[in-house]
Amino acid sequence: MKRRELLGTGATAITAALGAGVLGSCTIRKNDEISEPGRPKVKWRMATSWPLSLDTIYGGAETISQRVLELSGGGFQIKPYAAGELVPGLEVLDAVQAGSVECGHTASYYYIGKNPAFAFGTSVPFGLTAQQQNAWLYEAGGNTLLNNLYSDFGVIGFPAGNTGAQMGGWFKRKLDGLQSLQGLKMRIPGLGGKVMAELGVNVQVLPGGEIYLALDRGAIDAAEWTGPYDDEKLGLYRAAKFYYYPGWWEPGPTLSGLVNKKAWNKLPKEYQEIFISACYEANLTMLSRYDNLNGAALQNLLAKGTELVPYEDSILQSAQNASYQMYSDLAIKNQDFRKVFTEWKKFQNEIFGWNQINEFSYSRFNYKLPENKQ
């Protein structure tokens, strides 16, 4: 069975369970002016943090929009907007909170200035992989903890995308130990940025659409974004040659679909369930697309002269030490952070123990086989 057929079958089951019969008697239509007879007409706007050029990460918003339209028989319409079209890319939460848009697609760690615990909604340094993140959010209560935080802003959130493990950034010159980080101007958001600041980096936070020019013109010396596919699209390889790995600050970053709580409460229950299902699909689809695209993109970058460089162990160890010291300090200062971190750390200990036995042992053996070394 093809993927699209499988998803269509699953979607039919979901709507049938809701007693809606959304797909039972309708044909999927692209015309957003046509809706099923008797279905309420709802039109929303979605602000995003992404430029249109990044088709996979912006595609998360498009997946939500398209699936909501299809599953509602055209009754529920969401129009996504690229960063800057309605609001700047780093102000999506503010717009959703204010109700100037009904929903948004963003990364919660952009808003750690409002509450540092928002970092856990995306990714934290030396944290969880994409699958571990999904397990924490969906099954171990992580998203409930996050929505307790969002409630202070009149917002509700859902996992709605994941890039998979990221790369460690583009540098104009090679690093030579910890001392080479002193004064380095680097674009890196979230708690990873705070750790880099502890290591002496002059941290900058820029939306994706502004990274290339800043790097190319020397306003910054280094920048991280996502991984080979998006980094190639942004042209970062033309502004810096050295491509570092691993992206220890984002081993499995989740993106979020945020909804204004008042707008959410006005939705029919059926449309709420459709939105949740669409976010779930966007979360899985984005991760699958990146895993499919990044390998070929990396080979393209290498062919264009990019040089892969691993972070030195001294940098990784110092970054890990600084990360856990930061967690300890934030847990003392911030009650919300302490609550989320306590639950998150318990889950991390359990899942790391399990994955060390099953997945890590497999990877350690399989990836060292001669035929897999290209």
Protein backbone atom coordinates (compact mmCIF):
# COMPACT_ATOMS: atom_id res chain seq x y z
CA MET A 1 0.00 0.00 0.00
CA LYS A 2 1.34 3.43 -0.91
CA ARG A 3 2.02 5.92 1.87
CA ARG A 4 -0.67 8.36 0.71
CA GLU A 5 -3.23 5.56 0.52
CA LEU A 6 -2.26 4.39 3.99
CA LEU A 7 -2.61 7.88 5.43
CA GLY A 8 -5.93 8.34 3.68
CA THR A 9 -7.19 5.08 5.16
CA GLY A 10 -6.02 6.11 8.64
CA ALA A 11 -7.63 9.50 8.29
CA THR A 12 -10.93 7.91 7.28
CA ALA A 13 -10.81 5.75 10.38
CA ILE A 14 -10.16 8.74 12.59
CA THR A 15 -13.06 10.74 11.24
CA ALA A 16 -15.36 7.74 11.31
CA ALA A 17 -14.52 7.27 14.98
CA LEU A 18 -15.46 10.89 15.54
CA GLY A 19 -18.88 10.12 14.10
CA ALA A 20 -18.29 12.75 11.45
CA GLY A 21 -18.12 10.78 8.23
CA VAL A 22 -15.94 13.51 6.76
CA LEU A 23 -14.45 11.35 4.03
CA GLY A 24 -17.26 8.87 3.71
CA SER A 25 -19.23 10.79 1.10
CA CYS A 26 -16.93 13.50 -0.19
CA THR A 27 -14.24 13.86 -2.75
CA ILE A 28 -11.04 15.68 -1.71
CA ARG A 29 -11.01 19.09 -3.34
CA LYS A 30 -8.35 21.73 -3.76
CA ASN A 31 -10.95 24.50 -4.07
CA ASP A 32 -11.03 26.06 -0.63
CA GLU A 33 -14.32 27.80 -1.35
CA ILE A 34 -16.24 24.50 -1.45
CA SER A 35 -17.20 22.68 1.73
CA GLU A 36 -19.39 19.76 2.70
CA PRO A 37 -23.08 20.68 3.05
CA GLY A 38 -23.91 21.42 6.66
CA ARG A 39 -20.32 21.73 7.82
CA PRO A 40 -19.39 24.95 9.64
CA LYS A 41 -17.05 27.21 7.69
CA VAL A 42 -13.91 28.17 9.64
CA LYS A 43 -11.01 30.17 8.21
CA TRP A 44 -7.76 30.60 10.16
CA ARG A 45 -4.40 32.19 9.49
CA MET A 46 -1.16 30.49 10.52
CA ALA A 47 2.01 32.53 11.09
CA THR A 48 5.24 30.54 10.76
CA SER A 49 8.89 31.03 11.65
CA TRP A 50 10.12 29.74 8.28
CA PRO A 51 10.96 31.21 4.87
CA LEU A 52 9.17 29.74 1.85
CA SER A 53 12.49 28.60 0.40
CA LEU A 54 12.80 25.92 3.08
CA ASP A 55 10.17 23.64 1.62
CA THR A 56 10.49 20.82 4.16
CA ILE A 57 10.32 22.80 7.39
CA TYR A 58 7.73 25.22 5.96
CA GLY A 59 6.12 22.10 4.57
CA GLY A 60 5.08 21.19 8.12
CA ALA A 61 2.68 24.13 8.08
CA GLU A 62 1.49 23.16 4.61
CA THR A 63 0.85 19.59 5.73
CA ILE A 64 -1.35 20.83 8.56
CA SER A 65 -3.22 23.19 6.26
CA GLN A 66 -3.81 20.61 3.54
CA ARG A 67 -4.87 17.78 5.83
CA VAL A 68 -7.22 20.01 7.82
CA LEU A 69 -8.85 21.06 4.54
CA GLU A 70 -9.15 17.49 3.31
CA LEU A 71 -10.37 15.90 6.51
CA SER A 72 -12.98 18.61 7.10
CA GLY A 73 -14.35 18.33 3.57
CA GLY A 74 -13.28 21.92 2.94
CA GLY A 75 -15.02 23.33 5.99
CA PHE A 76 -11.91 24.13 8.03
CA GLN A 77 -9.34 26.20 6.15
CA ILE A 78 -5.95 27.35 7.42
CA LYS A 79 -3.73 29.61 5.32
CA PRO A 80 -0.04 29.48 6.29
CA TYR A 81 2.21 32.52 5.96
CA ALA A 82 6.00 32.58 5.75
CA ALA A 83 8.11 34.39 8.32
CA GLY A 84 7.78 38.14 7.88
CA GLU A 85 4.56 38.06 5.87
CA LEU A 86 2.40 38.62 8.95
CA VAL A 87 4.89 38.78 11.82
CA PRO A 88 8.66 38.28 12.19
CA GLY A 89 9.74 34.66 12.46
CA LEU A 90 10.65 34.93 16.14
CA GLU A 91 7.35 36.51 17.18
CA VAL A 92 4.89 33.75 16.28
CA LEU A 93 4.01 32.94 19.89
CA ASP A 94 3.30 36.62 20.54
CA ALA A 95 0.95 36.80 17.56
CA VAL A 96 -0.93 33.66 18.57
CA GLN A 97 -1.18 34.86 22.16
CA ALA A 98 -2.56 38.23 21.04
CA GLY A 99 -5.06 36.56 18.73
CA SER A 100 -3.85 38.49 15.69
CA VAL A 101 -3.55 35.02 14.13
CA GLU A 102 -5.40 31.93 15.27
CA CYS A 103 -2.43 29.57 15.04
CA GLY A 104 1.28 29.34 14.34
CA HIS A 105 4.05 26.94 13.39
CA THR A 106 7.29 27.58 15.23
CA ALA A 107 9.93 26.25 17.63
CA SER A 108 9.16 26.73 21.31
CA TYR A 109 12.80 27.30 22.24
CA TYR A 110 12.68 30.64 20.46
CA TYR A 111 10.73 31.85 23.50
CA ILE A 112 12.96 30.81 26.39
CA GLY A 113 13.14 34.48 27.30
CA LYS A 114 9.49 34.17 28.35
CA ASN A 115 10.04 30.85 30.15
CA PRO A 116 13.25 28.78 29.95
CA ALA A 117 11.23 25.56 30.24
CA PHE A 118 9.93 26.16 26.70
CA ALA A 119 13.26 24.73 25.53
CA PHE A 120 12.04 21.21 26.29
CA GLY A 121 9.31 21.59 23.69
CA THR A 122 11.96 21.72 20.97
CA SER A 123 15.27 20.27 22.12
CA VAL A 124 17.91 20.77 24.80
CA PRO A 125 21.67 20.17 24.67
CA PHE A 126 22.61 16.51 25.03
CA GLY A 127 18.92 15.68 25.19
CA LEU A 128 16.59 13.34 23.34
CA THR A 129 16.63 12.00 19.79
CA ALA A 130 13.58 12.51 17.59
CA GLN A 131 11.98 9.19 18.51
CA GLN A 132 12.80 9.65 22.19
CA GLN A 133 11.32 13.14 22.00
CA ASN A 134 8.12 11.76 20.48
CA ALA A 135 7.89 9.12 23.20
CA TRP A 136 8.28 11.78 25.89
CA LEU A 137 5.79 14.19 24.34
CA TYR A 138 3.09 11.71 23.35
CA GLU A 139 3.33 8.98 25.98
CA ALA A 140 5.28 10.24 28.99
CA GLY A 141 3.33 13.43 29.64
CA GLY A 142 5.74 15.88 28.05
CA ASN A 143 3.18 17.74 25.98
CA THR A 144 0.86 18.04 28.97
CA LEU A 145 3.68 19.69 30.92
CA LEU A 146 4.32 22.09 28.05
CA ASN A 147 0.65 22.99 27.75
CA ASN A 148 0.66 23.87 31.43
CA LEU A 149 3.26 26.48 30.48
CA TYR A 150 1.43 27.65 27.36
CA SER A 151 -1.75 28.17 29.38
CA ASP A 152 -0.14 31.26 30.96
CA PHE A 153 -0.07 32.73 27.43
CA GLY A 154 -3.56 31.68 26.41
CA VAL A 155 -2.15 29.13 23.97
CA ILE A 156 -2.31 25.37 23.41
CA GLY A 157 0.41 23.47 21.54
CA PHE A 158 0.93 20.21 19.68
CA PRO A 159 4.04 18.48 18.27
CA ALA A 160 4.02 19.31 14.55
CA GLY A 161 7.37 18.48 13.00
CA ASN A 162 10.89 17.26 13.68
CA THR A 163 14.09 17.73 11.68
CA GLY A 164 15.92 14.77 13.21
CA ALA A 165 19.43 15.06 14.61
CA GLN A 166 21.01 18.26 13.34
CA MET A 167 24.49 19.24 12.26
CA GLY A 168 26.84 21.32 14.38
CA GLY A 169 27.02 24.47 12.28
CA TRP A 170 29.03 26.27 9.61
CA PHE A 171 32.30 27.99 10.52
CA LYS A 172 34.40 30.33 8.47
CA ARG A 173 37.55 28.95 10.06
CA LYS A 174 38.45 25.74 11.84
CA LEU A 175 38.23 25.58 15.60
CA ASP A 176 41.37 24.84 17.56
CA GLY A 177 40.27 23.84 21.02
CA LEU A 178 38.10 25.69 23.51
CA GLN A 179 40.11 28.90 23.26
CA SER A 180 39.04 29.34 19.62
CA LEU A 181 35.43 29.84 20.75
CA GLN A 182 36.28 33.02 22.68
CA GLY A 183 34.56 35.99 21.07
CA LEU A 184 33.29 33.96 18.10
CA LYS A 185 30.03 35.44 16.77
CA MET A 186 27.62 32.56 16.15
CA ARG A 187 23.93 32.27 15.32
CA ILE A 188 22.53 29.66 17.69
CA PRO A 189 19.21 29.89 19.59
CA GLY A 190 17.75 28.12 22.62
CA LEU A 191 19.65 26.68 25.53
CA GLY A 192 22.37 25.58 23.12
CA GLY A 193 23.08 29.25 22.64
CA LYS A 194 23.31 29.76 26.39
CA VAL A 195 25.83 26.92 26.63
CA MET A 196 27.89 28.39 23.81
CA ALA A 197 27.81 31.71 25.61
CA GLU A 198 29.23 29.99 28.69
CA LEU A 199 32.06 28.73 26.49
CA GLY A 200 32.86 32.28 25.35
CA VAL A 201 30.78 32.58 22.17
CA ASN A 202 29.06 35.86 21.27
CA VAL A 203 25.62 34.37 20.59
CA GLN A 204 23.23 35.77 17.98
CA VAL A 205 19.61 34.71 17.39
CA LEU A 206 18.42 35.19 13.81
CA PRO A 207 15.50 33.70 11.86
CA GLY A 208 16.36 31.31 9.05
CA GLY A 209 15.87 33.81 6.26
CA GLU A 210 18.56 36.14 7.64
CA ILE A 211 21.34 33.65 8.32
CA TYR A 212 23.06 33.53 4.92
CA LEU A 213 23.53 37.27 4.52
CA ALA A 214 24.82 37.65 8.09
CA LEU A 215 27.33 34.85 7.57
CA ASP A 216 28.34 35.93 4.09
CA ARG A 217 28.89 39.56 5.08
CA GLY A 218 30.85 38.70 8.21
CA ALA A 219 28.28 39.92 10.71
CA ILE A 220 28.66 36.46 12.25
CA ASP A 221 31.53 33.98 12.10
CA ALA A 222 29.46 30.81 12.37
CA ALA A 223 25.86 29.65 12.22
CA GLU A 224 23.81 26.56 12.80
CA TRP A 225 20.49 25.88 11.12
CA THR A 226 19.22 22.33 10.61
CA GLY A 227 21.03 19.88 8.37
CA PRO A 228 22.39 19.31 4.85
CA TYR A 229 19.14 19.68 2.88
CA ASP A 230 18.03 23.01 4.34
CA ASP A 231 21.58 24.31 4.78
CA GLU A 232 22.25 23.73 1.10
CA LYS A 233 19.03 25.52 0.17
CA LEU A 234 20.05 28.53 2.26
CA GLY A 235 23.43 28.53 0.49
CA LEU A 236 25.39 28.44 3.74
CA TYR A 237 28.18 26.45 2.07
CA ARG A 238 28.93 29.52 -0.04
CA ALA A 239 29.52 31.64 3.07
CA ALA A 240 31.52 29.17 5.18
CA LYS A 241 33.51 26.05 4.33
CA PHE A 242 33.78 24.04 7.55
CA TYR A 243 30.73 21.97 8.49
CA TYR A 244 30.86 20.70 12.07
CA TYR A 245 29.10 17.74 13.65
CA PRO A 246 27.29 16.58 15.72
CA GLY A 247 24.64 19.15 16.59
CA TRP A 248 24.78 18.28 20.28
CA TRP A 249 22.32 21.04 21.18
CA GLU A 250 19.56 19.64 18.93
CA PRO A 251 19.62 15.83 18.72
CA GLY A 252 15.90 15.66 17.91
CA PRO A 253 14.17 19.07 17.77
CA THR A 254 10.39 19.16 17.70
CA LEU A 255 8.45 21.98 16.05
CA SER A 256 5.11 23.07 17.45
CA GLY A 257 1.67 23.92 16.19
CA LEU A 258 0.39 26.66 18.51
CA VAL A 259 -3.26 27.71 18.75
CA ASN A 260 -4.89 30.64 20.48
CA LYS A 261 -6.95 29.10 23.29
CA LYS A 262 -10.02 31.25 22.65
CA ALA A 263 -9.99 30.32 18.95
CA TRP A 264 -9.49 26.67 19.92
CA ASN A 265 -12.47 26.67 22.25
CA LYS A 266 -14.69 28.04 19.48
CA LEU A 267 -13.83 25.13 17.17
CA PRO A 268 -16.29 22.25 16.85
CA LYS A 269 -14.91 19.16 18.61
CA GLU A 270 -14.60 17.44 15.24
CA TYR A 271 -12.35 20.21 13.91
CA GLN A 272 -10.22 20.10 17.06
CA GLU A 273 -9.59 16.40 16.51
CA ILE A 274 -8.81 17.02 12.85
CA PHE A 275 -6.24 19.67 13.78
CA ILE A 276 -4.60 17.32 16.28
CA SER A 277 -4.42 14.57 13.67
CA ALA A 278 -2.97 16.96 11.08
CA CYS A 279 -0.23 18.03 13.52
CA TYR A 280 0.54 14.38 14.23
CA GLU A 281 0.90 13.71 10.52
CA ALA A 282 3.09 16.79 10.05
CA ASN A 283 5.36 15.60 12.85
CA LEU A 284 5.91 12.18 11.26
CA THR A 285 6.05 13.42 7.67
CA MET A 286 8.68 16.10 8.28
CA LEU A 287 11.03 13.72 10.07
CA SER A 288 10.66 11.12 7.31
CA ARG A 289 11.34 13.69 4.61
CA TYR A 290 14.48 15.01 6.27
CA ASP A 291 15.85 11.52 6.80
CA ASN A 292 15.19 10.80 3.13
CA LEU A 293 16.73 14.04 1.83
CA ASN A 294 19.73 14.75 4.05
CA GLY A 295 22.00 11.93 2.87
CA ALA A 296 21.99 13.02 -0.77
CA ALA A 297 22.24 16.68 0.21
CA LEU A 298 25.35 15.97 2.28
CA GLN A 299 27.03 14.36 -0.73
CA ASN A 300 26.15 17.44 -2.79
CA LEU A 301 27.76 19.71 -0.21
CA LEU A 302 30.92 17.63 -0.11
CA ALA A 303 31.14 17.76 -3.90
CA LYS A 304 30.94 21.56 -3.68
CA GLY A 305 33.98 21.76 -1.41
CA THR A 306 32.43 21.58 2.04
CA GLU A 307 34.77 20.09 4.63
CA LEU A 308 33.25 17.94 7.38
CA VAL A 309 34.84 18.46 10.79
CA PRO A 310 33.97 16.69 14.08
CA TYR A 311 33.83 18.69 17.29
CA GLU A 312 36.84 17.93 19.45
CA ASP A 313 36.10 15.86 22.54
CA SER A 314 37.35 18.70 24.72
CA ILE A 315 34.63 20.98 23.32
CA LEU A 316 31.92 18.32 23.60
CA GLN A 317 32.85 17.50 27.19
CA SER A 318 32.98 21.14 28.21
CA ALA A 319 29.64 21.77 26.51
CA GLN A 320 28.03 18.80 28.27
CA ASN A 321 29.38 19.91 31.65
CA ALA A 322 28.12 23.44 31.06
CA SER A 323 24.73 22.09 29.96
CA TYR A 324 24.04 20.13 33.12
CA GLN A 325 25.33 22.94 35.31
CA MET A 326 22.90 25.24 33.51
CA TYR A 327 20.03 22.80 34.11
CA SER A 328 20.88 22.67 37.78
CA ASP A 329 21.02 26.46 38.06
CA LEU A 330 17.75 26.97 36.17
CA ALA A 331 15.99 24.35 38.28
CA ILE A 332 16.94 26.32 41.40
CA LYS A 333 15.82 29.66 39.97
CA ASN A 334 12.69 28.68 38.04
CA GLN A 335 9.89 26.53 39.40
CA ASP A 336 8.47 25.72 35.96
CA PHE A 337 11.87 24.63 34.71
CA ARG A 338 12.40 22.48 37.80
CA LYS A 339 9.07 20.71 37.35
CA VAL A 340 9.58 19.94 33.66
CA PHE A 341 13.26 19.05 34.05
CA THR A 342 12.54 16.60 36.88
CA GLU A 343 10.03 14.66 34.79
CA TRP A 344 12.15 14.94 31.62
CA LYS A 345 15.33 13.71 33.36
CA LYS A 346 13.53 10.69 34.80
CA PHE A 347 12.34 9.78 31.32
CA GLN A 348 15.79 10.42 29.80
CA ASN A 349 17.47 8.07 32.28
CA GLU A 350 14.99 5.31 31.47
CA ILE A 351 15.04 5.68 27.70
CA PHE A 352 18.84 6.03 27.54
CA GLY A 353 19.17 2.83 29.55
CA TRP A 354 16.84 0.99 27.20
CA ASN A 355 18.24 2.41 23.93
CA GLN A 356 21.78 1.67 25.01
CA ILE A 357 20.79 -1.99 24.99
CA ASN A 358 18.73 -2.12 21.83
CA GLU A 359 19.49 0.69 19.36
CA PHE A 360 22.96 1.83 20.37
CA SER A 361 24.44 -1.68 20.44
CA TYR A 362 22.99 -2.31 16.97
CA SER A 363 24.31 1.00 15.60
CA ARG A 364 27.74 0.54 17.15
CA PHE A 365 28.16 -2.78 15.38
CA ASN A 366 26.38 -2.09 12.10
CA TYR A 367 27.87 1.30 11.29
CA LYS A 368 31.42 0.03 11.61
CA LEU A 369 31.01 -2.65 8.94
CA PRO A 370 33.43 -2.08 6.02
CA GLU A 371 30.66 -2.10 3.40
CA ASN A 372 28.95 0.78 5.19
CA LYS A 373 32.04 2.98 5.24
CA GLN A 374 31.93 5.08 2.12
